[in-house]
Amino acid sequence: MKKDLKRDMASDIIDLTVRKGILCGAFFMMGFPTETEEEIMQTIRFAIKSSLHTAVFAIVTPYPGTEMFAKGKQRGYNMDVEFGTVYTPTINMSAVPSERLSDLRYYAYRRFYFSPRRAWNIFKTAPSKFPLFKNFIEVVMVSLFKKPLYG
């Protein structure tokens, strides 16, 4: 948000980093105010197409004290809620229903990590192999059984 990020430039930097043999990960946010399902799918497709080793997919949460929280209050959203994590919709200001937003997050994990090419690239680049098994179990729990990440 307000990052003025250029996808082509980001893709080039990711590719260069990976070519240098450096593990490369990214944090993707979905559910920005007024964001549509097609815009979220563009983000997911970018992540899948990239040469990233790892990715975290999170849902935008307008926490108190942020500009987004103030705008939500201005627009009449009920901001008096108990805040959870960035892994579940708390206050959904996007154009996508909360349940669908959660489903898209799980879909992103499945599509990103359940790729033999990506699994091989992670395995060959990771300096220590043991943590890979723990992380693999986490990804399976999130993407197939809808468990919280690191919960």
N, C-alpha and C. Protein backbone atom coordinates (compact mmCIF):
# COMPACT_ATOMS: atom_id res chain seq x y z
N MET A 1 0.85 -1.17 0.00
CA MET A 1 0.00 0.00 0.00
C MET A 1 0.90 1.24 0.00
N LYS A 2 0.67 2.05 -0.98
CA LYS A 2 1.47 3.27 -1.17
C LYS A 2 2.95 2.95 -1.34
N LYS A 3 3.25 1.79 -1.92
CA LYS A 3 4.65 1.40 -2.12
C LYS A 3 5.14 1.74 -3.51
N ASP A 4 4.23 2.03 -4.44
CA ASP A 4 4.59 2.31 -5.82
C ASP A 4 5.49 1.20 -6.37
N LEU A 5 5.12 -0.03 -6.06
CA LEU A 5 5.90 -1.19 -6.47
C LEU A 5 5.65 -1.52 -7.93
N LYS A 6 6.71 -1.70 -8.67
CA LYS A 6 6.62 -2.10 -10.07
C LYS A 6 6.86 -3.61 -10.16
N ARG A 7 5.86 -4.34 -10.64
CA ARG A 7 5.97 -5.81 -10.67
C ARG A 7 7.15 -6.28 -11.50
N ASP A 8 7.40 -5.65 -12.66
CA ASP A 8 8.52 -6.07 -13.50
C ASP A 8 9.84 -5.90 -12.78
N MET A 9 10.00 -4.77 -12.09
CA MET A 9 11.23 -4.52 -11.36
C MET A 9 11.37 -5.52 -10.19
N ALA A 10 10.28 -5.78 -9.49
CA ALA A 10 10.31 -6.74 -8.38
C ALA A 10 10.69 -8.13 -8.90
N SER A 11 10.11 -8.51 -10.03
CA SER A 11 10.40 -9.81 -10.62
C SER A 11 11.88 -9.92 -11.00
N ASP A 12 12.42 -8.86 -11.58
CA ASP A 12 13.84 -8.86 -11.95
C ASP A 12 14.74 -9.00 -10.72
N ILE A 13 14.40 -8.31 -9.64
CA ILE A 13 15.20 -8.38 -8.41
C ILE A 13 15.11 -9.77 -7.79
N ILE A 14 13.92 -10.35 -7.80
CA ILE A 14 13.75 -11.71 -7.28
C ILE A 14 14.61 -12.68 -8.09
N ASP A 15 14.52 -12.59 -9.41
CA ASP A 15 15.29 -13.49 -10.28
C ASP A 15 16.79 -13.34 -10.05
N LEU A 16 17.27 -12.12 -9.94
CA LEU A 16 18.70 -11.87 -9.71
C LEU A 16 19.14 -12.47 -8.37
N THR A 17 18.33 -12.28 -7.35
CA THR A 17 18.64 -12.81 -6.02
C THR A 17 18.72 -14.34 -6.05
N VAL A 18 17.76 -14.97 -6.70
CA VAL A 18 17.73 -16.43 -6.79
C VAL A 18 18.92 -16.95 -7.61
N ARG A 19 19.25 -16.26 -8.70
CA ARG A 19 20.41 -16.67 -9.52
C ARG A 19 21.72 -16.62 -8.73
N LYS A 20 21.78 -15.74 -7.75
CA LYS A 20 22.97 -15.63 -6.90
C LYS A 20 23.00 -16.70 -5.82
N GLY A 21 21.98 -17.57 -5.78
CA GLY A 21 21.94 -18.66 -4.81
C GLY A 21 21.46 -18.25 -3.43
N ILE A 22 20.75 -17.13 -3.36
CA ILE A 22 20.24 -16.63 -2.08
C ILE A 22 18.77 -17.01 -1.96
N LEU A 23 18.40 -17.58 -0.80
CA LEU A 23 16.98 -17.88 -0.56
C LEU A 23 16.19 -16.58 -0.60
N CYS A 24 15.10 -16.59 -1.31
CA CYS A 24 14.33 -15.36 -1.51
C CYS A 24 12.87 -15.61 -1.15
N GLY A 25 12.34 -14.81 -0.25
CA GLY A 25 10.96 -14.93 0.17
C GLY A 25 10.25 -13.59 0.10
N ALA A 26 8.93 -13.64 0.11
CA ALA A 26 8.14 -12.41 0.05
C ALA A 26 6.89 -12.56 0.92
N PHE A 27 6.36 -11.42 1.28
CA PHE A 27 5.16 -11.32 2.11
C PHE A 27 4.10 -10.63 1.26
N PHE A 28 3.01 -11.33 0.97
CA PHE A 28 1.95 -10.78 0.13
C PHE A 28 0.72 -10.49 0.97
N MET A 29 0.14 -9.32 0.76
CA MET A 29 -1.07 -8.91 1.46
C MET A 29 -2.25 -8.96 0.49
N MET A 30 -3.38 -9.44 0.98
CA MET A 30 -4.60 -9.45 0.16
C MET A 30 -5.76 -8.91 0.98
N GLY A 31 -6.66 -8.23 0.28
CA GLY A 31 -7.84 -7.68 0.94
C GLY A 31 -7.72 -6.21 1.26
N PHE A 32 -6.93 -5.48 0.45
CA PHE A 32 -6.85 -4.03 0.64
C PHE A 32 -8.22 -3.41 0.38
N PRO A 33 -8.46 -2.21 0.95
CA PRO A 33 -9.76 -1.55 0.72
C PRO A 33 -10.09 -1.47 -0.77
N THR A 34 -11.28 -1.90 -1.10
CA THR A 34 -11.87 -1.94 -2.44
C THR A 34 -11.20 -2.95 -3.38
N GLU A 35 -10.22 -3.71 -2.92
CA GLU A 35 -9.55 -4.70 -3.79
C GLU A 35 -10.54 -5.76 -4.23
N THR A 36 -10.49 -6.11 -5.51
CA THR A 36 -11.40 -7.11 -6.08
C THR A 36 -10.74 -8.49 -6.09
N GLU A 37 -11.56 -9.49 -6.34
CA GLU A 37 -11.02 -10.86 -6.43
C GLU A 37 -10.02 -10.97 -7.57
N GLU A 38 -10.29 -10.33 -8.69
CA GLU A 38 -9.35 -10.39 -9.82
C GLU A 38 -8.01 -9.77 -9.45
N GLU A 39 -8.02 -8.69 -8.69
CA GLU A 39 -6.75 -8.07 -8.26
C GLU A 39 -5.99 -9.00 -7.31
N ILE A 40 -6.70 -9.68 -6.44
CA ILE A 40 -6.06 -10.65 -5.54
C ILE A 40 -5.48 -11.80 -6.37
N MET A 41 -6.23 -12.26 -7.37
CA MET A 41 -5.73 -13.34 -8.23
C MET A 41 -4.48 -12.90 -8.99
N GLN A 42 -4.40 -11.64 -9.38
CA GLN A 42 -3.18 -11.15 -10.04
C GLN A 42 -1.97 -11.27 -9.10
N THR A 43 -2.18 -10.95 -7.84
CA THR A 43 -1.11 -11.08 -6.85
C THR A 43 -0.70 -12.53 -6.69
N ILE A 44 -1.67 -13.42 -6.59
CA ILE A 44 -1.38 -14.84 -6.44
C ILE A 44 -0.64 -15.37 -7.66
N ARG A 45 -1.10 -14.99 -8.86
CA ARG A 45 -0.43 -15.44 -10.09
C ARG A 45 1.01 -14.92 -10.15
N PHE A 46 1.22 -13.68 -9.71
CA PHE A 46 2.58 -13.13 -9.68
C PHE A 46 3.46 -13.99 -8.78
N ALA A 47 2.98 -14.31 -7.59
CA ALA A 47 3.76 -15.11 -6.65
C ALA A 47 4.07 -16.49 -7.24
N ILE A 48 3.07 -17.13 -7.83
CA ILE A 48 3.26 -18.47 -8.39
C ILE A 48 4.26 -18.44 -9.54
N LYS A 49 4.16 -17.45 -10.39
CA LYS A 49 5.02 -17.34 -11.56
C LYS A 49 6.47 -16.97 -11.19
N SER A 50 6.63 -16.33 -10.04
CA SER A 50 7.95 -15.85 -9.63
C SER A 50 8.89 -17.01 -9.31
N SER A 51 10.16 -16.67 -9.16
CA SER A 51 11.14 -17.68 -8.76
C SER A 51 11.40 -17.65 -7.26
N LEU A 52 10.49 -17.03 -6.51
CA LEU A 52 10.61 -16.99 -5.05
C LEU A 52 10.71 -18.40 -4.48
N HIS A 53 11.46 -18.53 -3.40
CA HIS A 53 11.51 -19.81 -2.70
C HIS A 53 10.33 -19.93 -1.74
N THR A 54 10.05 -18.84 -1.03
CA THR A 54 8.98 -18.87 -0.03
C THR A 54 8.07 -17.65 -0.17
N ALA A 55 6.88 -17.81 0.37
CA ALA A 55 5.92 -16.70 0.38
C ALA A 55 5.00 -16.86 1.57
N VAL A 56 4.60 -15.75 2.13
CA VAL A 56 3.58 -15.71 3.16
C VAL A 56 2.42 -14.90 2.58
N PHE A 57 1.22 -15.42 2.72
CA PHE A 57 0.03 -14.74 2.22
C PHE A 57 -0.80 -14.33 3.44
N ALA A 58 -1.02 -13.04 3.59
CA ALA A 58 -1.72 -12.52 4.76
C ALA A 58 -2.88 -11.63 4.32
N ILE A 59 -3.81 -11.45 5.22
CA ILE A 59 -4.99 -10.62 4.96
C ILE A 59 -4.80 -9.27 5.64
N VAL A 60 -5.06 -8.23 4.89
CA VAL A 60 -4.91 -6.87 5.40
C VAL A 60 -5.77 -6.69 6.65
N THR A 61 -5.16 -6.12 7.68
CA THR A 61 -5.86 -5.84 8.92
C THR A 61 -5.62 -4.38 9.29
N PRO A 62 -6.68 -3.56 9.34
CA PRO A 62 -6.51 -2.14 9.69
C PRO A 62 -6.41 -1.97 11.21
N TYR A 63 -5.21 -2.11 11.74
CA TYR A 63 -5.00 -2.01 13.18
C TYR A 63 -5.18 -0.58 13.68
N PRO A 64 -5.62 -0.43 14.95
CA PRO A 64 -5.75 0.91 15.54
C PRO A 64 -4.45 1.69 15.42
N GLY A 65 -4.59 2.98 15.12
CA GLY A 65 -3.44 3.85 15.00
C GLY A 65 -2.91 3.95 13.57
N THR A 66 -3.47 3.16 12.66
CA THR A 66 -3.02 3.24 11.27
C THR A 66 -3.96 4.13 10.46
N GLU A 67 -3.45 4.58 9.34
CA GLU A 67 -4.27 5.41 8.43
C GLU A 67 -5.47 4.62 7.94
N MET A 68 -5.28 3.34 7.66
CA MET A 68 -6.38 2.51 7.17
C MET A 68 -7.47 2.37 8.23
N PHE A 69 -7.10 2.27 9.50
CA PHE A 69 -8.07 2.19 10.58
C PHE A 69 -8.90 3.47 10.62
N ALA A 70 -8.23 4.62 10.53
CA ALA A 70 -8.94 5.92 10.55
C ALA A 70 -9.90 6.03 9.38
N LYS A 71 -9.45 5.59 8.19
CA LYS A 71 -10.33 5.65 7.01
C LYS A 71 -11.52 4.71 7.17
N GLY A 72 -11.29 3.54 7.75
CA GLY A 72 -12.39 2.60 7.99
C GLY A 72 -13.43 3.19 8.92
N LYS A 73 -12.95 3.86 9.95
CA LYS A 73 -13.85 4.51 10.91
C LYS A 73 -14.65 5.61 10.21
N GLN A 74 -13.95 6.40 9.36
CA GLN A 74 -14.60 7.48 8.59
C GLN A 74 -15.69 6.92 7.69
N ARG A 75 -15.43 5.77 7.10
CA ARG A 75 -16.37 5.17 6.15
C ARG A 75 -17.48 4.37 6.83
N GLY A 76 -17.49 4.36 8.16
CA GLY A 76 -18.59 3.73 8.87
C GLY A 76 -18.42 2.26 9.21
N TYR A 77 -17.23 1.73 9.07
CA TYR A 77 -17.00 0.34 9.47
C TYR A 77 -17.00 0.25 10.99
N ASN A 78 -17.48 -0.86 11.52
CA ASN A 78 -17.43 -1.10 12.96
C ASN A 78 -15.99 -1.46 13.31
N MET A 79 -15.27 -0.53 13.91
CA MET A 79 -13.86 -0.74 14.23
C MET A 79 -13.67 -1.19 15.68
N ASP A 80 -14.77 -1.38 16.40
CA ASP A 80 -14.70 -1.83 17.79
C ASP A 80 -14.81 -3.35 17.83
N VAL A 81 -13.79 -4.01 17.32
CA VAL A 81 -13.78 -5.46 17.29
C VAL A 81 -12.50 -5.96 17.96
N GLU A 82 -12.52 -7.23 18.31
CA GLU A 82 -11.30 -7.85 18.85
C GLU A 82 -10.44 -8.26 17.66
N PHE A 83 -9.24 -7.74 17.63
CA PHE A 83 -8.37 -7.99 16.49
C PHE A 83 -7.70 -9.35 16.62
N GLY A 84 -7.69 -10.05 15.50
CA GLY A 84 -7.03 -11.34 15.42
C GLY A 84 -5.65 -11.16 14.81
N THR A 85 -5.36 -12.01 13.88
CA THR A 85 -4.06 -11.97 13.20
C THR A 85 -4.27 -11.59 11.75
N VAL A 86 -3.19 -11.49 11.02
CA VAL A 86 -3.27 -11.18 9.59
C VAL A 86 -3.62 -12.43 8.78
N TYR A 87 -3.98 -13.50 9.46
CA TYR A 87 -4.31 -14.74 8.76
C TYR A 87 -5.80 -14.97 8.64
N THR A 88 -6.60 -14.10 9.28
CA THR A 88 -8.05 -14.19 9.15
C THR A 88 -8.60 -12.77 9.01
N PRO A 89 -9.68 -12.61 8.27
CA PRO A 89 -10.26 -11.27 8.13
C PRO A 89 -10.85 -10.79 9.45
N THR A 90 -10.43 -9.62 9.91
CA THR A 90 -11.00 -9.01 11.11
C THR A 90 -11.98 -7.94 10.69
N ILE A 91 -11.48 -6.94 9.98
CA ILE A 91 -12.31 -5.90 9.39
C ILE A 91 -12.02 -5.95 7.90
N ASN A 92 -12.96 -6.44 7.14
CA ASN A 92 -12.74 -6.64 5.70
C ASN A 92 -13.27 -5.42 4.94
N MET A 93 -12.36 -4.65 4.39
CA MET A 93 -12.74 -3.46 3.63
C MET A 93 -12.60 -3.69 2.12
N SER A 94 -12.32 -4.93 1.72
CA SER A 94 -12.16 -5.24 0.31
C SER A 94 -13.52 -5.46 -0.34
N ALA A 95 -13.51 -5.71 -1.65
CA ALA A 95 -14.74 -6.00 -2.39
C ALA A 95 -15.03 -7.50 -2.42
N VAL A 96 -14.30 -8.28 -1.63
CA VAL A 96 -14.42 -9.73 -1.61
C VAL A 96 -14.99 -10.15 -0.25
N PRO A 97 -16.02 -10.99 -0.23
CA PRO A 97 -16.56 -11.44 1.05
C PRO A 97 -15.48 -12.13 1.90
N SER A 98 -15.58 -12.00 3.21
CA SER A 98 -14.55 -12.52 4.13
C SER A 98 -14.27 -14.01 3.93
N GLU A 99 -15.31 -14.82 3.77
CA GLU A 99 -15.10 -16.26 3.59
C GLU A 99 -14.32 -16.54 2.31
N ARG A 100 -14.65 -15.83 1.26
CA ARG A 100 -13.93 -16.00 -0.02
C ARG A 100 -12.48 -15.52 0.12
N LEU A 101 -12.27 -14.45 0.85
CA LEU A 101 -10.93 -13.93 1.09
C LEU A 101 -10.07 -14.98 1.79
N SER A 102 -10.62 -15.63 2.79
CA SER A 102 -9.90 -16.72 3.47
C SER A 102 -9.62 -17.86 2.51
N ASP A 103 -10.61 -18.23 1.70
CA ASP A 103 -10.41 -19.32 0.73
C ASP A 103 -9.30 -18.98 -0.27
N LEU A 104 -9.25 -17.73 -0.70
CA LEU A 104 -8.20 -17.31 -1.64
C LEU A 104 -6.82 -17.42 -1.00
N ARG A 105 -6.73 -17.14 0.27
CA ARG A 105 -5.46 -17.27 0.98
C ARG A 105 -5.00 -18.73 1.00
N TYR A 106 -5.90 -19.64 1.31
CA TYR A 106 -5.55 -21.07 1.31
C TYR A 106 -5.17 -21.53 -0.09
N TYR A 107 -5.92 -21.06 -1.07
CA TYR A 107 -5.63 -21.38 -2.48
C TYR A 107 -4.22 -20.92 -2.85
N ALA A 108 -3.86 -19.71 -2.41
CA ALA A 108 -2.53 -19.17 -2.72
C ALA A 108 -1.44 -20.09 -2.16
N TYR A 109 -1.60 -20.54 -0.94
CA TYR A 109 -0.61 -21.46 -0.35
C TYR A 109 -0.50 -22.76 -1.15
N ARG A 110 -1.65 -23.34 -1.48
CA ARG A 110 -1.63 -24.60 -2.25
C ARG A 110 -0.93 -24.42 -3.59
N ARG A 111 -1.32 -23.40 -4.32
CA ARG A 111 -0.76 -23.18 -5.65
C ARG A 111 0.73 -22.83 -5.60
N PHE A 112 1.12 -22.06 -4.59
CA PHE A 112 2.51 -21.64 -4.50
C PHE A 112 3.42 -22.79 -4.09
N TYR A 113 3.06 -23.50 -3.04
CA TYR A 113 3.98 -24.50 -2.48
C TYR A 113 3.86 -25.89 -3.07
N PHE A 114 2.71 -26.25 -3.61
CA PHE A 114 2.57 -27.60 -4.13
C PHE A 114 3.03 -27.67 -5.57
N SER A 115 4.27 -27.28 -5.77
CA SER A 115 4.91 -27.27 -7.08
C SER A 115 6.22 -28.04 -6.94
N PRO A 116 6.38 -29.13 -7.68
CA PRO A 116 7.64 -29.89 -7.58
C PRO A 116 8.88 -29.03 -7.89
N ARG A 117 8.76 -28.12 -8.85
CA ARG A 117 9.90 -27.26 -9.19
C ARG A 117 10.28 -26.38 -8.01
N ARG A 118 9.29 -25.78 -7.37
CA ARG A 118 9.57 -24.90 -6.24
C ARG A 118 10.13 -25.71 -5.06
N ALA A 119 9.54 -26.87 -4.80
CA ALA A 119 10.03 -27.72 -3.69
C ALA A 119 11.50 -28.09 -3.92
N TRP A 120 11.84 -28.45 -5.14
CA TRP A 120 13.22 -28.80 -5.45
C TRP A 120 14.14 -27.59 -5.26
N ASN A 121 13.72 -26.42 -5.73
CA ASN A 121 14.54 -25.21 -5.59
C ASN A 121 14.76 -24.84 -4.12
N ILE A 122 13.73 -25.01 -3.31
CA ILE A 122 13.87 -24.75 -1.88
C ILE A 122 14.87 -25.74 -1.28
N PHE A 123 14.70 -27.01 -1.60
CA PHE A 123 15.55 -28.06 -1.04
C PHE A 123 17.01 -27.85 -1.41
N LYS A 124 17.28 -27.56 -2.68
CA LYS A 124 18.68 -27.44 -3.09
C LYS A 124 19.34 -26.15 -2.59
N THR A 125 18.56 -25.11 -2.30
CA THR A 125 19.12 -23.83 -1.88
C THR A 125 19.24 -23.72 -0.36
N ALA A 126 18.36 -24.37 0.37
CA ALA A 126 18.35 -24.25 1.84
C ALA A 126 19.64 -24.81 2.43
N PRO A 127 20.32 -24.02 3.27
CA PRO A 127 21.57 -24.50 3.86
C PRO A 127 21.36 -25.64 4.86
N SER A 128 20.22 -25.64 5.55
CA SER A 128 19.92 -26.70 6.51
C SER A 128 18.62 -27.36 6.09
N LYS A 129 18.66 -28.68 5.95
CA LYS A 129 17.49 -29.40 5.42
C LYS A 129 16.45 -29.73 6.48
N PHE A 130 16.84 -29.89 7.73
CA PHE A 130 15.90 -30.31 8.77
C PHE A 130 14.72 -29.37 8.94
N PRO A 131 14.94 -28.04 9.00
CA PRO A 131 13.78 -27.14 9.16
C PRO A 131 12.79 -27.21 7.99
N LEU A 132 13.25 -27.69 6.85
CA LEU A 132 12.34 -27.80 5.70
C LEU A 132 11.17 -28.72 6.00
N PHE A 133 11.41 -29.79 6.72
CA PHE A 133 10.33 -30.74 7.03
C PHE A 133 9.28 -30.10 7.93
N LYS A 134 9.73 -29.34 8.94
CA LYS A 134 8.78 -28.64 9.82
C LYS A 134 7.97 -27.63 9.00
N ASN A 135 8.65 -26.88 8.15
CA ASN A 135 7.94 -25.88 7.33
C ASN A 135 6.99 -26.53 6.35
N PHE A 136 7.37 -27.68 5.81
CA PHE A 136 6.48 -28.38 4.88
C PHE A 136 5.19 -28.79 5.60
N ILE A 137 5.33 -29.31 6.81
CA ILE A 137 4.14 -29.70 7.59
C ILE A 137 3.26 -28.48 7.83
N GLU A 138 3.86 -27.32 8.15
CA GLU A 138 3.09 -26.09 8.37
C GLU A 138 2.29 -25.72 7.12
N VAL A 139 2.94 -25.79 5.96
CA VAL A 139 2.28 -25.42 4.71
C VAL A 139 1.12 -26.37 4.42
N VAL A 140 1.31 -27.65 4.65
CA VAL A 140 0.24 -28.63 4.43
C VAL A 140 -0.93 -28.32 5.37
N MET A 141 -0.63 -28.04 6.62
CA MET A 141 -1.70 -27.76 7.59
C MET A 141 -2.48 -26.50 7.21
N VAL A 142 -1.78 -25.48 6.72
CA VAL A 142 -2.45 -24.24 6.32
C VAL A 142 -3.28 -24.45 5.06
N SER A 143 -2.65 -25.01 4.04
CA SER A 143 -3.31 -25.05 2.73
C SER A 143 -4.37 -26.13 2.60
N LEU A 144 -4.22 -27.26 3.27
CA LEU A 144 -5.21 -28.31 3.12
C LEU A 144 -6.21 -28.37 4.28
N PHE A 145 -5.72 -28.08 5.49
CA PHE A 145 -6.58 -28.23 6.67
C PHE A 145 -6.98 -26.90 7.29
N LYS A 146 -6.58 -25.79 6.64
CA LYS A 146 -6.96 -24.43 7.06
C LYS A 146 -6.62 -24.14 8.52
N LYS A 147 -5.45 -24.62 8.93
CA LYS A 147 -4.95 -24.33 10.27
C LYS A 147 -4.21 -23.00 10.25
N PRO A 148 -4.12 -22.31 11.39
CA PRO A 148 -3.34 -21.05 11.42
C PRO A 148 -1.87 -21.32 11.17
N LEU A 149 -1.23 -20.39 10.48
CA LEU A 149 0.20 -20.51 10.22
C LEU A 149 0.95 -20.36 11.54
N TYR A 150 1.82 -21.31 11.84
CA TYR A 150 2.62 -21.31 13.07
C TYR A 150 1.74 -21.20 14.31
N GLY A 151 0.57 -21.82 14.26
CA GLY A 151 -0.36 -21.72 15.37
C GLY A 151 -0.27 -22.86 16.33
